[in-house]
C-alpha cells in the first residue's frame, strides 16, 4: 500500500466514527441534525363573557412606552409595541382585580385593575377614547 492509500483509509475510518447513534442503533451522518420537538403551550380556556372581561374589552395604551393593548370580545388580545403591530397575541382572563395576558409565546403577564386603569410592570394603561 502506498502512503496516500493508508492516509485515505485512516481518514475514512475516522469520519465513519464521527456520526452519532440514533435510537434504532443506526448512525447518522455528522452533518445531519435532528429537530427537537416544537414547544407548544396551551393557554387556559378563557370565558370572554365574564363581567370583568366584558368591562375591559377595547383598546388600552401606555403612551410613554408606545404600547397599545387590544382586548377583543372573543377573549383574545393583541399587543402593539414600539411601532410593531401585532407584536404579541394570546388570550386574556380576568379574576377579581387581576388581568392575565397568556401569550401564544407561553409567557403570562399579570396586571392589576385599579379603577379605570390597568397597572402592569411596563406601566399604567389607560383606555383609548
C-alpha atoms as a PDB file:
ATOM      1  CA  UNK A   1       0.000   0.000   0.000  1.00  0.00           C
ATOM      2  CA  UNK A   2       1.071   3.491  -0.636  1.00  0.00           C
ATOM      3  CA  UNK A   3       1.178   6.210   1.984  1.00  0.00           C
ATOM      4  CA  UNK A   4      -1.671   8.083   0.228  1.00  0.00           C
ATOM      5  CA  UNK A   5      -3.913   4.989   0.324  1.00  0.00           C
ATOM      6  CA  UNK A   6      -3.148   4.477   4.007  1.00  0.00           C
ATOM      7  CA  UNK A   7      -3.948   8.112   4.831  1.00  0.00           C
ATOM      8  CA  UNK A   8      -7.244   7.946   2.913  1.00  0.00           C
ATOM      9  CA  UNK A   9      -8.151   4.695   4.712  1.00  0.00           C
ATOM     10  CA  UNK A  10      -7.431   6.221   8.126  1.00  0.00           C
ATOM     11  CA  UNK A  11      -9.369   9.384   7.269  1.00  0.00           C
ATOM     12  CA  UNK A  12     -12.432   7.388   6.132  1.00  0.00           C
ATOM     13  CA  UNK A  13     -12.334   5.252   9.263  1.00  0.00           C
ATOM     14  CA  UNK A  14     -12.132   8.359  11.450  1.00  0.00           C
ATOM     15  CA  UNK A  15     -15.006  10.049   9.625  1.00  0.00           C
ATOM     16  CA  UNK A  16     -17.193   6.971   9.921  1.00  0.00           C
ATOM     17  CA  UNK A  17     -16.823   7.169  13.694  1.00  0.00           C
ATOM     18  CA  UNK A  18     -17.899  10.833  13.824  1.00  0.00           C
ATOM     19  CA  UNK A  19     -21.596  10.123  13.341  1.00  0.00           C
ATOM     20  CA  UNK A  20     -23.883   9.695  16.302  1.00  0.00           C
ATOM     21  CA  UNK A  21     -26.112   6.742  17.024  1.00  0.00           C
ATOM     22  CA  UNK A  22     -29.839   7.135  16.659  1.00  0.00           C
ATOM     23  CA  UNK A  23     -32.413   5.399  18.839  1.00  0.00           C
ATOM     24  CA  UNK A  24     -32.546   2.419  16.462  1.00  0.00           C
ATOM     25  CA  UNK A  25     -28.823   1.731  16.614  1.00  0.00           C
ATOM     26  CA  UNK A  26     -28.020   3.291  13.243  1.00  0.00           C
ATOM     27  CA  UNK A  27     -25.528   6.039  12.634  1.00  0.00           C
ATOM     28  CA  UNK A  28     -26.480   9.463  11.368  1.00  0.00           C
ATOM     29  CA  UNK A  29     -24.118  11.493   9.273  1.00  0.00           C
ATOM     30  CA  UNK A  30     -22.034  14.130  11.069  1.00  0.00           C
ATOM     31  CA  UNK A  31     -23.831  16.939   9.230  1.00  0.00           C
ATOM     32  CA  UNK A  32     -27.309  15.577   9.823  1.00  0.00           C
ATOM     33  CA  UNK A  33     -29.194  17.248  12.645  1.00  0.00           C
ATOM     34  CA  UNK A  34     -32.284  16.167  14.421  1.00  0.00           C
ATOM     35  CA  UNK A  35     -35.028  18.681  15.022  1.00  0.00           C
ATOM     36  CA  UNK A  36     -36.211  18.922  18.625  1.00  0.00           C
ATOM     37  CA  UNK A  37     -39.963  18.690  19.112  1.00  0.00           C
ATOM     38  CA  UNK A  38     -41.777  22.006  18.943  1.00  0.00           C
ATOM     39  CA  UNK A  39     -42.666  23.519  22.289  1.00  0.00           C
ATOM     40  CA  UNK A  40     -46.309  24.409  22.383  1.00  0.00           C
ATOM     41  CA  UNK A  41     -48.133  25.999  25.216  1.00  0.00           C
ATOM     42  CA  UNK A  42     -51.769  25.655  25.884  1.00  0.00           C
ATOM     43  CA  UNK A  43     -53.331  28.897  27.000  1.00  0.00           C
ATOM     44  CA  UNK A  44     -56.056  28.255  29.552  1.00  0.00           C
ATOM     45  CA  UNK A  45     -59.578  28.404  28.289  1.00  0.00           C
ATOM     46  CA  UNK A  46     -60.998  31.867  28.705  1.00  0.00           C
ATOM     47  CA  UNK A  47     -64.601  32.804  29.179  1.00  0.00           C
ATOM     48  CA  UNK A  48     -64.799  36.119  27.325  1.00  0.00           C
ATOM     49  CA  UNK A  49     -68.311  36.693  28.649  1.00  0.00           C
ATOM     50  CA  UNK A  50     -67.446  37.108  32.331  1.00  0.00           C
ATOM     51  CA  UNK A  51     -68.374  40.524  33.674  1.00  0.00           C
ATOM     52  CA  UNK A  52     -64.751  41.505  34.236  1.00  0.00           C
ATOM     53  CA  UNK A  53     -63.677  40.518  30.711  1.00  0.00           C
ATOM     54  CA  UNK A  54     -66.625  42.313  29.105  1.00  0.00           C
ATOM     55  CA  UNK A  55     -65.913  45.505  31.062  1.00  0.00           C
ATOM     56  CA  UNK A  56     -62.291  45.603  29.839  1.00  0.00           C
ATOM     57  CA  UNK A  57     -62.896  44.989  26.136  1.00  0.00           C
ATOM     58  CA  UNK A  58     -61.396  47.664  23.962  1.00  0.00           C
ATOM     59  CA  UNK A  59     -58.072  49.389  23.496  1.00  0.00           C
ATOM     60  CA  UNK A  60     -55.655  50.401  26.261  1.00  0.00           C
ATOM     61  CA  UNK A  61     -52.412  52.317  25.956  1.00  0.00           C
ATOM     62  CA  UNK A  62     -49.275  53.242  27.809  1.00  0.00           C
ATOM     63  CA  UNK A  63     -48.246  56.320  25.842  1.00  0.00           C
ATOM     64  CA  UNK A  64     -44.762  56.653  27.344  1.00  0.00           C
ATOM     65  CA  UNK A  65     -43.900  53.121  26.177  1.00  0.00           C
ATOM     66  CA  UNK A  66     -45.601  53.326  22.745  1.00  0.00           C
ATOM     67  CA  UNK A  67     -47.719  50.356  23.825  1.00  0.00           C
ATOM     68  CA  UNK A  68     -51.321  49.522  22.898  1.00  0.00           C
ATOM     69  CA  UNK A  69     -53.267  46.535  24.208  1.00  0.00           C
ATOM     70  CA  UNK A  70     -56.348  45.417  22.281  1.00  0.00           C
ATOM     71  CA  UNK A  71     -58.709  43.248  24.341  1.00  0.00           C
ATOM     72  CA  UNK A  72     -61.043  41.556  21.873  1.00  0.00           C
ATOM     73  CA  UNK A  73     -64.523  40.234  22.641  1.00  0.00           C
ATOM     74  CA  UNK A  74     -63.585  36.603  21.824  1.00  0.00           C
ATOM     75  CA  UNK A  75     -61.161  36.538  24.797  1.00  0.00           C
ATOM     76  CA  UNK A  76     -58.012  37.182  22.786  1.00  0.00           C
ATOM     77  CA  UNK A  77     -55.593  40.087  22.945  1.00  0.00           C
ATOM     78  CA  UNK A  78     -53.177  41.765  20.573  1.00  0.00           C
ATOM     79  CA  UNK A  79     -50.283  43.950  21.720  1.00  0.00           C
ATOM     80  CA  UNK A  80     -48.711  46.656  19.575  1.00  0.00           C
ATOM     81  CA  UNK A  81     -45.333  47.785  20.883  1.00  0.00           C
ATOM     82  CA  UNK A  82     -42.887  50.457  19.734  1.00  0.00           C
ATOM     83  CA  UNK A  83     -44.448  50.744  16.293  1.00  0.00           C
ATOM     84  CA  UNK A  84     -44.740  46.994  15.706  1.00  0.00           C
ATOM     85  CA  UNK A  85     -48.358  45.975  15.150  1.00  0.00           C
ATOM     86  CA  UNK A  86     -49.342  42.520  16.403  1.00  0.00           C
ATOM     87  CA  UNK A  87     -46.136  42.324  18.455  1.00  0.00           C
ATOM     88  CA  UNK A  88     -47.692  39.646  20.688  1.00  0.00           C
ATOM     89  CA  UNK A  89     -51.002  37.797  20.757  1.00  0.00           C
ATOM     90  CA  UNK A  90     -52.780  35.403  23.081  1.00  0.00           C
ATOM     91  CA  UNK A  91     -55.747  35.046  25.416  1.00  0.00           C
ATOM     92  CA  UNK A  92     -56.713  37.117  28.399  1.00  0.00           C
ATOM     93  CA  UNK A  93     -58.659  36.338  31.533  1.00  0.00           C
ATOM     94  CA  UNK A  94     -59.930  38.368  34.438  1.00  0.00           C
ATOM     95  CA  UNK A  95     -60.240  37.111  38.003  1.00  0.00           C
ATOM     96  CA  UNK A  96     -61.187  39.685  40.595  1.00  0.00           C
ATOM     97  CA  UNK A  97     -58.865  42.663  40.119  1.00  0.00           C
ATOM     98  CA  UNK A  98     -56.233  40.703  38.161  1.00  0.00           C
ATOM     99  CA  UNK A  99     -55.943  40.530  34.396  1.00  0.00           C
ATOM    100  CA  UNK A 100     -53.757  37.771  32.943  1.00  0.00           C
ATOM    101  CA  UNK A 101     -52.375  38.000  29.418  1.00  0.00           C
ATOM    102  CA  UNK A 102     -51.406  34.475  28.401  1.00  0.00           C
ATOM    103  CA  UNK A 103     -49.334  34.870  25.251  1.00  0.00           C
ATOM    104  CA  UNK A 104     -49.051  32.404  22.426  1.00  0.00           C
ATOM    105  CA  UNK A 105     -45.333  32.504  23.278  1.00  0.00           C
ATOM    106  CA  UNK A 106     -46.065  30.775  26.603  1.00  0.00           C
ATOM    107  CA  UNK A 107     -45.371  33.835  28.766  1.00  0.00           C
ATOM    108  CA  UNK A 108     -48.009  35.254  31.085  1.00  0.00           C
ATOM    109  CA  UNK A 109     -48.170  38.903  32.095  1.00  0.00           C
ATOM    110  CA  UNK A 110     -50.351  39.870  35.025  1.00  0.00           C
ATOM    111  CA  UNK A 111     -51.741  43.289  35.729  1.00  0.00           C
ATOM    112  CA  UNK A 112     -53.945  44.833  38.368  1.00  0.00           C
ATOM    113  CA  UNK A 113     -57.223  46.560  37.583  1.00  0.00           C
ATOM    114  CA  UNK A 114     -57.264  49.829  39.537  1.00  0.00           C
ATOM    115  CA  UNK A 115     -60.308  51.964  38.825  1.00  0.00           C
ATOM    116  CA  UNK A 116     -60.172  52.898  35.142  1.00  0.00           C
ATOM    117  CA  UNK A 117     -56.568  51.747  34.637  1.00  0.00           C
ATOM    118  CA  UNK A 118     -54.583  48.545  34.176  1.00  0.00           C
ATOM    119  CA  UNK A 119     -51.294  48.510  36.068  1.00  0.00           C
ATOM    120  CA  UNK A 120     -48.559  46.357  34.541  1.00  0.00           C
ATOM    121  CA  UNK A 121     -44.825  46.192  35.212  1.00  0.00           C
ATOM    122  CA  UNK A 122     -44.357  48.164  31.983  1.00  0.00           C
ATOM    123  CA  UNK A 123     -46.586  50.992  33.227  1.00  0.00           C
ATOM    124  CA  UNK A 124     -50.190  52.048  33.718  1.00  0.00           C
ATOM    125  CA  UNK A 125     -52.522  51.566  30.766  1.00  0.00           C
ATOM    126  CA  UNK A 126     -55.498  53.872  30.222  1.00  0.00           C
ATOM    127  CA  UNK A 127     -58.427  53.253  27.940  1.00  0.00           C
ATOM    128  CA  UNK A 128     -58.124  54.734  24.460  1.00  0.00           C
ATOM    129  CA  UNK A 129     -61.072  57.029  23.887  1.00  0.00           C
END
